[in-house]
């Protein structure tokens, strides 16, 4: 005989994330210094530029700019957020984005 479920099927579904996603991260950027926010925005733009899905070849200029920005950052929270952004790009469904992201990490 088949075992019966003691809970309805909806109880097995994972909980939906809250609408405020900053609660999922270790540090919220709301309390950051404006210079750190600007640095993170610059790094985020460079990551998106260097790992764009329209690139046919590696954008070495964007890669090197991103490396320079990361090397000039002292805040570990900014660096952790940059790593999180790159990891997110590595999990992208487009293989071009994945390859350029892996090249960026290698740079």
PDB file of N, CA and C in Angstrom:
ATOM      1  N   UNK A   1       0.825  -1.180   0.000  1.00  0.00           N
ATOM      2  CA  UNK A   1       0.000   0.000   0.000  1.00  0.00           C
ATOM      3  C   UNK A   1       0.874   1.250   0.000  1.00  0.00           C
ATOM      4  N   UNK A   2       0.312   2.308  -0.587  1.00  0.00           N
ATOM      5  CA  UNK A   2       1.033   3.582  -0.602  1.00  0.00           C
ATOM      6  C   UNK A   2       0.821   4.322   0.700  1.00  0.00           C
ATOM      7  N   UNK A   3       1.867   4.947   1.149  1.00  0.00           N
ATOM      8  CA  UNK A   3       1.749   5.750   2.362  1.00  0.00           C
ATOM      9  C   UNK A   3       1.018   7.048   2.031  1.00  0.00           C
ATOM     10  N   UNK A   4       0.186   7.472   2.914  1.00  0.00           N
ATOM     11  CA  UNK A   4      -0.543   8.721   2.697  1.00  0.00           C
ATOM     12  C   UNK A   4       0.250   9.882   3.279  1.00  0.00           C
ATOM     13  N   UNK A   5       0.121  11.012   2.643  1.00  0.00           N
ATOM     14  CA  UNK A   5       0.815  12.201   3.123  1.00  0.00           C
ATOM     15  C   UNK A   5       0.059  12.812   4.290  1.00  0.00           C
ATOM     16  N   UNK A   6       0.777  13.193   5.299  1.00  0.00           N
ATOM     17  CA  UNK A   6       0.131  13.802   6.456  1.00  0.00           C
ATOM     18  C   UNK A   6      -0.067  15.301   6.253  1.00  0.00           C
ATOM     19  N   UNK A   7       0.638  15.879   5.275  1.00  0.00           N
ATOM     20  CA  UNK A   7       0.523  17.307   5.011  1.00  0.00           C
ATOM     21  C   UNK A   7       0.006  17.502   3.594  1.00  0.00           C
ATOM     22  N   UNK A   8      -0.710  18.588   3.363  1.00  0.00           N
ATOM     23  CA  UNK A   8      -1.146  18.872   1.996  1.00  0.00           C
ATOM     24  C   UNK A   8       0.060  19.191   1.114  1.00  0.00           C
ATOM     25  N   UNK A   9      -0.051  19.008  -0.207  1.00  0.00           N
ATOM     26  CA  UNK A   9       1.085  19.232  -1.102  1.00  0.00           C
ATOM     27  C   UNK A   9       1.690  20.625  -1.011  1.00  0.00           C
ATOM     28  N   UNK A  10       0.906  21.640  -0.684  1.00  0.00           N
ATOM     29  CA  UNK A  10       1.448  23.000  -0.591  1.00  0.00           C
ATOM     30  C   UNK A  10       2.407  23.151   0.557  1.00  0.00           C
ATOM     31  N   UNK A  11       2.306  22.316   1.570  1.00  0.00           N
ATOM     32  CA  UNK A  11       3.194  22.431   2.723  1.00  0.00           C
ATOM     33  C   UNK A  11       4.611  22.005   2.375  1.00  0.00           C
ATOM     34  N   UNK A  12       4.803  21.223   1.312  1.00  0.00           N
ATOM     35  CA  UNK A  12       6.131  20.777   0.923  1.00  0.00           C
ATOM     36  C   UNK A  12       6.865  21.804   0.071  1.00  0.00           C
ATOM     37  N   UNK A  13       6.168  22.812  -0.429  1.00  0.00           N
ATOM     38  CA  UNK A  13       6.788  23.825  -1.274  1.00  0.00           C
ATOM     39  C   UNK A  13       7.639  24.751  -0.419  1.00  0.00           C
ATOM     40  N   UNK A  14       8.772  25.196  -0.958  1.00  0.00           N
ATOM     41  CA  UNK A  14       9.619  26.099  -0.179  1.00  0.00           C
ATOM     42  C   UNK A  14       8.918  27.433   0.051  1.00  0.00           C
ATOM     43  N   UNK A  15       9.301  28.067   1.119  1.00  0.00           N
ATOM     44  CA  UNK A  15       8.728  29.362   1.458  1.00  0.00           C
ATOM     45  C   UNK A  15       9.155  30.411   0.446  1.00  0.00           C
ATOM     46  N   UNK A  16       8.253  31.281   0.083  1.00  0.00           N
ATOM     47  CA  UNK A  16       8.581  32.357  -0.855  1.00  0.00           C
ATOM     48  C   UNK A  16       9.456  33.381  -0.164  1.00  0.00           C
ATOM     49  N   UNK A  17      10.429  33.936  -0.904  1.00  0.00           N
ATOM     50  CA  UNK A  17      11.280  34.955  -0.287  1.00  0.00           C
ATOM     51  C   UNK A  17      10.476  36.223  -0.024  1.00  0.00           C
ATOM     52  N   UNK A  18      10.875  36.982   0.968  1.00  0.00           N
ATOM     53  CA  UNK A  18      10.169  38.226   1.244  1.00  0.00           C
ATOM     54  C   UNK A  18      10.391  39.227   0.108  1.00  0.00           C
ATOM     55  N   UNK A  19       9.507  40.191   0.023  1.00  0.00           N
ATOM     56  CA  UNK A  19       9.627  41.181  -1.038  1.00  0.00           C
ATOM     57  C   UNK A  19      10.865  42.046  -0.838  1.00  0.00           C
ATOM     58  N   UNK A  20      11.329  42.184   0.378  1.00  0.00           N
ATOM     59  CA  UNK A  20      12.536  42.956   0.655  1.00  0.00           C
ATOM     60  C   UNK A  20      13.726  42.000   0.662  1.00  0.00           C
ATOM     61  N   UNK A  21      14.418  41.880  -0.476  1.00  0.00           N
ATOM     62  CA  UNK A  21      15.495  40.902  -0.618  1.00  0.00           C
ATOM     63  C   UNK A  21      16.743  41.263   0.173  1.00  0.00           C
ATOM     64  N   UNK A  22      16.880  42.500   0.660  1.00  0.00           N
ATOM     65  CA  UNK A  22      18.080  42.848   1.418  1.00  0.00           C
ATOM     66  C   UNK A  22      18.168  42.063   2.714  1.00  0.00           C
ATOM     67  N   UNK A  23      17.044  41.520   3.188  1.00  0.00           N
ATOM     68  CA  UNK A  23      17.095  40.732   4.410  1.00  0.00           C
ATOM     69  C   UNK A  23      17.827  39.411   4.190  1.00  0.00           C
ATOM     70  N   UNK A  24      17.985  38.983   2.937  1.00  0.00           N
ATOM     71  CA  UNK A  24      18.692  37.756   2.629  1.00  0.00           C
ATOM     72  C   UNK A  24      20.208  37.934   2.633  1.00  0.00           C
ATOM     73  N   UNK A  25      20.664  39.147   2.541  1.00  0.00           N
ATOM     74  CA  UNK A  25      22.090  39.398   2.455  1.00  0.00           C
ATOM     75  C   UNK A  25      22.644  39.738   3.826  1.00  0.00           C
ATOM     76  N   UNK A  26      23.932  39.492   3.985  1.00  0.00           N
ATOM     77  CA  UNK A  26      24.584  39.718   5.261  1.00  0.00           C
ATOM     78  C   UNK A  26      24.523  41.192   5.655  1.00  0.00           C
ATOM     79  N   UNK A  27      24.766  42.069   4.701  1.00  0.00           N
ATOM     80  CA  UNK A  27      24.796  43.505   4.964  1.00  0.00           C
ATOM     81  C   UNK A  27      23.903  44.226   3.967  1.00  0.00           C
ATOM     82  N   UNK A  28      23.115  45.118   4.460  1.00  0.00           N
ATOM     83  CA  UNK A  28      22.306  45.952   3.586  1.00  0.00           C
ATOM     84  C   UNK A  28      23.163  47.129   3.127  1.00  0.00           C
ATOM     85  N   UNK A  29      23.001  47.534   1.878  1.00  0.00           N
ATOM     86  CA  UNK A  29      23.791  48.659   1.363  1.00  0.00           C
ATOM     87  C   UNK A  29      23.239  49.994   1.829  1.00  0.00           C
ATOM     88  N   UNK A  30      22.109  49.997   2.535  1.00  0.00           N
ATOM     89  CA  UNK A  30      21.493  51.249   2.972  1.00  0.00           C
ATOM     90  C   UNK A  30      22.373  51.998   3.967  1.00  0.00           C
ATOM     91  N   UNK A  31      23.112  51.300   4.793  1.00  0.00           N
ATOM     92  CA  UNK A  31      23.942  51.951   5.805  1.00  0.00           C
ATOM     93  C   UNK A  31      25.383  52.169   5.348  1.00  0.00           C
ATOM     94  N   UNK A  32      25.673  51.893   4.098  1.00  0.00           N
ATOM     95  CA  UNK A  32      27.037  52.036   3.597  1.00  0.00           C
ATOM     96  C   UNK A  32      27.407  53.490   3.376  1.00  0.00           C
ATOM     97  N   UNK A  33      28.692  53.730   3.388  1.00  0.00           N
ATOM     98  CA  UNK A  33      29.245  55.033   3.039  1.00  0.00           C
ATOM     99  C   UNK A  33      28.937  55.314   1.563  1.00  0.00           C
ATOM    100  N   UNK A  34      28.602  56.552   1.211  1.00  0.00           N
ATOM    101  CA  UNK A  34      28.290  56.855  -0.196  1.00  0.00           C
ATOM    102  C   UNK A  34      29.422  56.513  -1.163  1.00  0.00           C
ATOM    103  N   UNK A  35      30.664  56.615  -0.693  1.00  0.00           N
ATOM    104  CA  UNK A  35      31.791  56.254  -1.571  1.00  0.00           C
ATOM    105  C   UNK A  35      31.808  54.761  -1.858  1.00  0.00           C
ATOM    106  N   UNK A  36      31.459  53.949  -0.847  1.00  0.00           N
ATOM    107  CA  UNK A  36      31.401  52.499  -1.049  1.00  0.00           C
ATOM    108  C   UNK A  36      30.255  52.122  -1.980  1.00  0.00           C
ATOM    109  N   UNK A  37      29.120  52.821  -1.847  1.00  0.00           N
ATOM    110  CA  UNK A  37      28.000  52.575  -2.762  1.00  0.00           C
ATOM    111  C   UNK A  37      28.392  52.919  -4.194  1.00  0.00           C
ATOM    112  N   UNK A  38      29.105  54.041  -4.351  1.00  0.00           N
ATOM    113  CA  UNK A  38      29.553  54.448  -5.691  1.00  0.00           C
ATOM    114  C   UNK A  38      30.543  53.437  -6.253  1.00  0.00           C
ATOM    115  N   UNK A  39      31.437  52.948  -5.409  1.00  0.00           N
ATOM    116  CA  UNK A  39      32.413  51.939  -5.833  1.00  0.00           C
ATOM    117  C   UNK A  39      31.698  50.663  -6.264  1.00  0.00           C
ATOM    118  N   UNK A  40      30.690  50.232  -5.488  1.00  0.00           N
ATOM    119  CA  UNK A  40      29.940  49.031  -5.830  1.00  0.00           C
ATOM    120  C   UNK A  40      29.164  49.228  -7.135  1.00  0.00           C
ATOM    121  N   UNK A  41      28.587  50.402  -7.324  1.00  0.00           N
ATOM    122  CA  UNK A  41      27.872  50.679  -8.575  1.00  0.00           C
ATOM    123  C   UNK A  41      28.820  50.616  -9.771  1.00  0.00           C
ATOM    124  N   UNK A  42      30.032  51.141  -9.598  1.00  0.00           N
ATOM    125  CA  UNK A  42      31.031  51.091 -10.663  1.00  0.00           C
ATOM    126  C   UNK A  42      31.418  49.650 -10.969  1.00  0.00           C
ATOM    127  N   UNK A  43      31.673  48.869  -9.927  1.00  0.00           N
ATOM    128  CA  UNK A  43      32.048  47.463 -10.102  1.00  0.00           C
ATOM    129  C   UNK A  43      30.910  46.688 -10.748  1.00  0.00           C
ATOM    130  N   UNK A  44      29.688  46.948 -10.314  1.00  0.00           N
ATOM    131  CA  UNK A  44      28.528  46.259 -10.895  1.00  0.00           C
ATOM    132  C   UNK A  44      28.405  46.562 -12.382  1.00  0.00           C
ATOM    133  N   UNK A  45      28.577  47.833 -12.761  1.00  0.00           N
ATOM    134  CA  UNK A  45      28.516  48.202 -14.173  1.00  0.00           C
ATOM    135  C   UNK A  45      29.611  47.544 -14.988  1.00  0.00           C
ATOM    136  N   UNK A  46      30.814  47.467 -14.415  1.00  0.00           N
ATOM    137  CA  UNK A  46      31.926  46.831 -15.119  1.00  0.00           C
ATOM    138  C   UNK A  46      31.719  45.325 -15.257  1.00  0.00           C
ATOM    139  N   UNK A  47      31.142  44.699 -14.240  1.00  0.00           N
ATOM    140  CA  UNK A  47      30.849  43.258 -14.330  1.00  0.00           C
ATOM    141  C   UNK A  47      29.835  43.012 -15.432  1.00  0.00           C
ATOM    142  N   UNK A  48      28.790  43.839 -15.480  1.00  0.00           N
ATOM    143  CA  UNK A  48      27.778  43.669 -16.524  1.00  0.00           C
ATOM    144  C   UNK A  48      28.349  43.945 -17.909  1.00  0.00           C
ATOM    145  N   UNK A  49      29.237  44.937 -17.997  1.00  0.00           N
ATOM    146  CA  UNK A  49      29.869  45.257 -19.285  1.00  0.00           C
ATOM    147  C   UNK A  49      30.806  44.134 -19.723  1.00  0.00           C
ATOM    148  N   UNK A  50      31.584  43.608 -18.794  1.00  0.00           N
ATOM    149  CA  UNK A  50      32.564  42.574 -19.121  1.00  0.00           C
ATOM    150  C   UNK A  50      31.928  41.224 -19.413  1.00  0.00           C
ATOM    151  N   UNK A  51      30.707  41.003 -18.915  1.00  0.00           N
ATOM    152  CA  UNK A  51      30.059  39.708 -19.095  1.00  0.00           C
ATOM    153  C   UNK A  51      28.784  39.817 -19.925  1.00  0.00           C
ATOM    154  N   UNK A  52      28.699  40.821 -20.754  1.00  0.00           N
ATOM    155  CA  UNK A  52      27.500  41.045 -21.561  1.00  0.00           C
ATOM    156  C   UNK A  52      27.254  39.884 -22.515  1.00  0.00           C
ATOM    157  N   UNK A  53      25.980  39.583 -22.750  1.00  0.00           N
ATOM    158  CA  UNK A  53      25.649  38.478 -23.648  1.00  0.00           C
ATOM    159  C   UNK A  53      25.809  38.846 -25.120  1.00  0.00           C
ATOM    160  N   UNK A  54      26.069  40.108 -25.430  1.00  0.00           N
ATOM    161  CA  UNK A  54      26.255  40.503 -26.827  1.00  0.00           C
ATOM    162  C   UNK A  54      27.731  40.504 -27.235  1.00  0.00           C
ATOM    163  N   UNK A  55      28.614  40.221 -26.295  1.00  0.00           N
ATOM    164  CA  UNK A  55      30.046  40.184 -26.613  1.00  0.00           C
ATOM    165  C   UNK A  55      30.389  38.939 -27.420  1.00  0.00           C
ATOM    166  N   UNK A  56      31.169  39.131 -28.477  1.00  0.00           N
ATOM    167  CA  UNK A  56      31.676  37.991 -29.242  1.00  0.00           C
ATOM    168  C   UNK A  56      33.043  37.553 -28.742  1.00  0.00           C
ATOM    169  N   UNK A  57      33.794  38.500 -28.194  1.00  0.00           N
ATOM    170  CA  UNK A  57      35.102  38.217 -27.623  1.00  0.00           C
ATOM    171  C   UNK A  57      35.169  38.849 -26.242  1.00  0.00           C
ATOM    172  N   UNK A  58      36.209  38.534 -25.522  1.00  0.00           N
ATOM    173  CA  UNK A  58      36.383  39.063 -24.172  1.00  0.00           C
ATOM    174  C   UNK A  58      36.701  40.560 -24.249  1.00  0.00           C
ATOM    175  N   UNK A  59      36.049  41.347 -23.409  1.00  0.00           N
ATOM    176  CA  UNK A  59      36.320  42.781 -23.310  1.00  0.00           C
ATOM    177  C   UNK A  59      37.414  42.986 -22.263  1.00  0.00           C
ATOM    178  N   UNK A  60      38.659  42.932 -22.717  1.00  0.00           N
ATOM    179  CA  UNK A  60      39.787  43.015 -21.793  1.00  0.00           C
ATOM    180  C   UNK A  60      39.867  44.356 -21.090  1.00  0.00           C
ATOM    181  N   UNK A  61      39.419  45.410 -21.759  1.00  0.00           N
ATOM    182  CA  UNK A  61      39.415  46.731 -21.129  1.00  0.00           C
ATOM    183  C   UNK A  61      38.519  46.756 -19.897  1.00  0.00           C
ATOM    184  N   UNK A  62      37.304  46.237 -20.046  1.00  0.00           N
ATOM    185  CA  UNK A  62      36.374  46.182 -18.907  1.00  0.00           C
ATOM    186  C   UNK A  62      36.907  45.244 -17.822  1.00  0.00           C
ATOM    187  N   UNK A  63      37.507  44.126 -18.228  1.00  0.00           N
ATOM    188  CA  UNK A  63      38.080  43.194 -17.246  1.00  0.00           C
ATOM    189  C   UNK A  63      39.168  43.870 -16.421  1.00  0.00           C
ATOM    190  N   UNK A  64      40.061  44.582 -17.089  1.00  0.00           N
ATOM    191  CA  UNK A  64      41.166  45.218 -16.376  1.00  0.00           C
ATOM    192  C   UNK A  64      40.676  46.375 -15.506  1.00  0.00           C
ATOM    193  N   UNK A  65      39.676  47.113 -15.979  1.00  0.00           N
ATOM    194  CA  UNK A  65      39.096  48.171 -15.152  1.00  0.00           C
ATOM    195  C   UNK A  65      38.473  47.591 -13.896  1.00  0.00           C
ATOM    196  N   UNK A  66      37.780  46.466 -14.045  1.00  0.00           N
ATOM    197  CA  UNK A  66      37.156  45.825 -12.899  1.00  0.00           C
ATOM    198  C   UNK A  66      38.212  45.349 -11.906  1.00  0.00           C
ATOM    199  N   UNK A  67      39.297  44.787 -12.411  1.00  0.00           N
ATOM    200  CA  UNK A  67      40.394  44.343 -11.541  1.00  0.00           C
ATOM    201  C   UNK A  67      40.988  45.534 -10.786  1.00  0.00           C
ATOM    202  N   UNK A  68      41.181  46.655 -11.485  1.00  0.00           N
ATOM    203  CA  UNK A  68      41.711  47.852 -10.833  1.00  0.00           C
ATOM    204  C   UNK A  68      40.776  48.365  -9.744  1.00  0.00           C
ATOM    205  N   UNK A  69      39.466  48.353 -10.020  1.00  0.00           N
ATOM    206  CA  UNK A  69      38.497  48.809  -9.016  1.00  0.00           C
ATOM    207  C   UNK A  69      38.504  47.894  -7.794  1.00  0.00           C
ATOM    208  N   UNK A  70      38.562  46.601  -8.026  1.00  0.00           N
ATOM    209  CA  UNK A  70      38.576  45.654  -6.908  1.00  0.00           C
ATOM    210  C   UNK A  70      39.859  45.802  -6.098  1.00  0.00           C
ATOM    211  N   UNK A  71      40.983  45.974  -6.782  1.00  0.00           N
ATOM    212  CA  UNK A  71      42.258  46.124  -6.069  1.00  0.00           C
ATOM    213  C   UNK A  71      42.325  47.414  -5.267  1.00  0.00           C
ATOM    214  N   UNK A  72      41.576  48.425  -5.653  1.00  0.00           N
ATOM    215  CA  UNK A  72      41.603  49.696  -4.935  1.00  0.00           C
ATOM    216  C   UNK A  72      40.529  49.774  -3.848  1.00  0.00           C
ATOM    217  N   UNK A  73      39.823  48.684  -3.597  1.00  0.00           N
ATOM    218  CA  UNK A  73      38.751  48.658  -2.598  1.00  0.00           C
ATOM    219  C   UNK A  73      39.255  48.045  -1.305  1.00  0.00           C
ATOM    220  N   UNK A  74      38.994  48.739  -0.205  1.00  0.00           N
ATOM    221  CA  UNK A  74      39.384  48.242   1.110  1.00  0.00           C
ATOM    222  C   UNK A  74      38.223  47.603   1.868  1.00  0.00           C
ATOM    223  N   UNK A  75      37.003  47.926   1.479  1.00  0.00           N
ATOM    224  CA  UNK A  75      35.813  47.454   2.187  1.00  0.00           C
ATOM    225  C   UNK A  75      35.508  46.010   1.797  1.00  0.00           C
ATOM    226  N   UNK A  76      35.525  45.129   2.783  1.00  0.00           N
ATOM    227  CA  UNK A  76      35.283  43.708   2.505  1.00  0.00           C
ATOM    228  C   UNK A  76      33.838  43.444   2.099  1.00  0.00           C
ATOM    229  N   UNK A  77      32.911  44.301   2.533  1.00  0.00           N
ATOM    230  CA  UNK A  77      31.513  44.128   2.134  1.00  0.00           C
ATOM    231  C   UNK A  77      31.334  44.390   0.641  1.00  0.00           C
ATOM    232  N   UNK A  78      32.031  45.375   0.118  1.00  0.00           N
ATOM    233  CA  UNK A  78      31.975  45.665  -1.315  1.00  0.00           C
ATOM    234  C   UNK A  78      32.566  44.494  -2.094  1.00  0.00           C
ATOM    235  N   UNK A  79      33.663  43.953  -1.610  1.00  0.00           N
ATOM    236  CA  UNK A  79      34.291  42.810  -2.281  1.00  0.00           C
ATOM    237  C   UNK A  79      33.383  41.584  -2.248  1.00  0.00           C
ATOM    238  N   UNK A  80      32.724  41.346  -1.112  1.00  0.00           N
ATOM    239  CA  UNK A  80      31.799  40.210  -1.014  1.00  0.00           C
ATOM    240  C   UNK A  80      30.634  40.371  -1.980  1.00  0.00           C
ATOM    241  N   UNK A  81      30.138  41.581  -2.103  1.00  0.00           N
ATOM    242  CA  UNK A  81      29.033  41.835  -3.020  1.00  0.00           C
ATOM    243  C   UNK A  81      29.485  41.660  -4.469  1.00  0.00           C
ATOM    244  N   UNK A  82      30.724  42.054  -4.773  1.00  0.00           N
ATOM    245  CA  UNK A  82      31.258  41.861  -6.125  1.00  0.00           C
ATOM    246  C   UNK A  82      31.364  40.373  -6.450  1.00  0.00           C
ATOM    247  N   UNK A  83      31.814  39.587  -5.503  1.00  0.00           N
ATOM    248  CA  UNK A  83      31.901  38.136  -5.696  1.00  0.00           C
ATOM    249  C   UNK A  83      30.511  37.558  -5.919  1.00  0.00           C
ATOM    250  N   UNK A  84      29.532  38.017  -5.144  1.00  0.00           N
ATOM    251  CA  UNK A  84      28.160  37.540  -5.307  1.00  0.00           C
ATOM    252  C   UNK A  84      27.630  37.857  -6.702  1.00  0.00           C
ATOM    253  N   UNK A  85      27.937  39.058  -7.209  1.00  0.00           N
ATOM    254  CA  UNK A  85      27.478  39.450  -8.539  1.00  0.00           C
ATOM    255  C   UNK A  85      28.113  38.583  -9.631  1.00  0.00           C
ATOM    256  N   UNK A  86      29.398  38.288  -9.482  1.00  0.00           N
ATOM    257  CA  UNK A  86      30.076  37.444 -10.476  1.00  0.00           C
ATOM    258  C   UNK A  86      29.525  36.020 -10.415  1.00  0.00           C
ATOM    259  N   UNK A  87      29.294  35.506  -9.217  1.00  0.00           N
ATOM    260  CA  UNK A  87      28.737  34.154  -9.085  1.00  0.00           C
ATOM    261  C   UNK A  87      27.355  34.070  -9.735  1.00  0.00           C
ATOM    262  N   UNK A  88      26.604  35.145  -9.603  1.00  0.00           N
ATOM    263  CA  UNK A  88      25.283  35.191 -10.237  1.00  0.00           C
ATOM    264  C   UNK A  88      25.411  35.143 -11.758  1.00  0.00           C
ATOM    265  N   UNK A  89      26.420  35.827 -12.313  1.00  0.00           N
ATOM    266  CA  UNK A  89      26.638  35.814 -13.758  1.00  0.00           C
ATOM    267  C   UNK A  89      27.127  34.439 -14.224  1.00  0.00           C
ATOM    268  N   UNK A  90      27.878  33.734 -13.393  1.00  0.00           N
ATOM    269  CA  UNK A  90      28.350  32.397 -13.751  1.00  0.00           C
ATOM    270  C   UNK A  90      27.177  31.422 -13.851  1.00  0.00           C
ATOM    271  N   UNK A  91      26.115  31.673 -13.125  1.00  0.00           N
ATOM    272  CA  UNK A  91      24.936  30.806 -13.159  1.00  0.00           C
ATOM    273  C   UNK A  91      23.940  31.215 -14.237  1.00  0.00           C
ATOM    274  N   UNK A  92      24.319  32.116 -15.103  1.00  0.00           N
ATOM    275  CA  UNK A  92      23.434  32.607 -16.168  1.00  0.00           C
ATOM    276  C   UNK A  92      23.121  31.487 -17.150  1.00  0.00           C
ATOM    277  N   UNK A  93      21.966  31.572 -17.815  1.00  0.00           N
ATOM    278  CA  UNK A  93      21.578  30.519 -18.757  1.00  0.00           C
ATOM    279  C   UNK A  93      22.301  30.627 -20.093  1.00  0.00           C
ATOM    280  N   UNK A  94      22.836  31.804 -20.418  1.00  0.00           N
ATOM    281  CA  UNK A  94      23.542  32.003 -21.683  1.00  0.00           C
ATOM    282  C   UNK A  94      25.003  31.569 -21.534  1.00  0.00           C
ATOM    283  N   UNK A  95      25.481  30.622 -22.354  1.00  0.00           N
ATOM    284  CA  UNK A  95      26.860  30.141 -22.211  1.00  0.00           C
ATOM    285  C   UNK A  95      27.903  31.224 -22.481  1.00  0.00           C
ATOM    286  N   UNK A  96      27.570  32.214 -23.299  1.00  0.00           N
ATOM    287  CA  UNK A  96      28.512  33.315 -23.533  1.00  0.00           C
ATOM    288  C   UNK A  96      28.770  34.102 -22.258  1.00  0.00           C
ATOM    289  N   UNK A  97      27.704  34.359 -21.520  1.00  0.00           N
ATOM    290  CA  UNK A  97      27.837  35.083 -20.255  1.00  0.00           C
ATOM    291  C   UNK A  97      28.660  34.259 -19.269  1.00  0.00           C
ATOM    292  N   UNK A  98      28.426  32.964 -19.235  1.00  0.00           N
ATOM    293  CA  UNK A  98      29.177  32.084 -18.335  1.00  0.00           C
ATOM    294  C   UNK A  98      30.670  32.113 -18.678  1.00  0.00           C
ATOM    295  N   UNK A  99      30.985  31.996 -19.972  1.00  0.00           N
ATOM    296  CA  UNK A  99      32.393  31.989 -20.385  1.00  0.00           C
ATOM    297  C   UNK A  99      33.082  33.318 -20.075  1.00  0.00           C
ATOM    298  N   UNK A 100      32.417  34.431 -20.364  1.00  0.00           N
ATOM    299  CA  UNK A 100      33.042  35.729 -20.084  1.00  0.00           C
ATOM    300  C   UNK A 100      33.148  35.948 -18.566  1.00  0.00           C
ATOM    301  N   UNK A 101      32.227  35.402 -17.791  1.00  0.00           N
ATOM    302  CA  UNK A 101      32.306  35.510 -16.335  1.00  0.00           C
ATOM    303  C   UNK A 101      33.477  34.705 -15.789  1.00  0.00           C
ATOM    304  N   UNK A 102      33.677  33.510 -16.336  1.00  0.00           N
ATOM    305  CA  UNK A 102      34.811  32.696 -15.901  1.00  0.00           C
ATOM    306  C   UNK A 102      36.134  33.355 -16.292  1.00  0.00           C
ATOM    307  N   UNK A 103      36.156  33.962 -17.473  1.00  0.00           N
ATOM    308  CA  UNK A 103      37.362  34.690 -17.887  1.00  0.00           C
ATOM    309  C   UNK A 103      37.612  35.877 -16.961  1.00  0.00           C
ATOM    310  N   UNK A 104      36.554  36.541 -16.551  1.00  0.00           N
ATOM    311  CA  UNK A 104      36.691  37.675 -15.620  1.00  0.00           C
ATOM    312  C   UNK A 104      37.274  37.207 -14.294  1.00  0.00           C
ATOM    313  N   UNK A 105      36.822  36.066 -13.782  1.00  0.00           N
ATOM    314  CA  UNK A 105      37.377  35.572 -12.519  1.00  0.00           C
ATOM    315  C   UNK A 105      38.836  35.169 -12.682  1.00  0.00           C
ATOM    316  N   UNK A 106      39.183  34.687 -13.853  1.00  0.00           N
ATOM    317  CA  UNK A 106      40.571  34.295 -14.113  1.00  0.00           C
ATOM    318  C   UNK A 106      41.489  35.510 -14.227  1.00  0.00           C
ATOM    319  N   UNK A 107      40.927  36.632 -14.694  1.00  0.00           N
ATOM    320  CA  UNK A 107      41.708  37.854 -14.854  1.00  0.00           C
ATOM    321  C   UNK A 107      42.102  38.368 -13.501  1.00  0.00           C
TER     322      UNK A 107
END
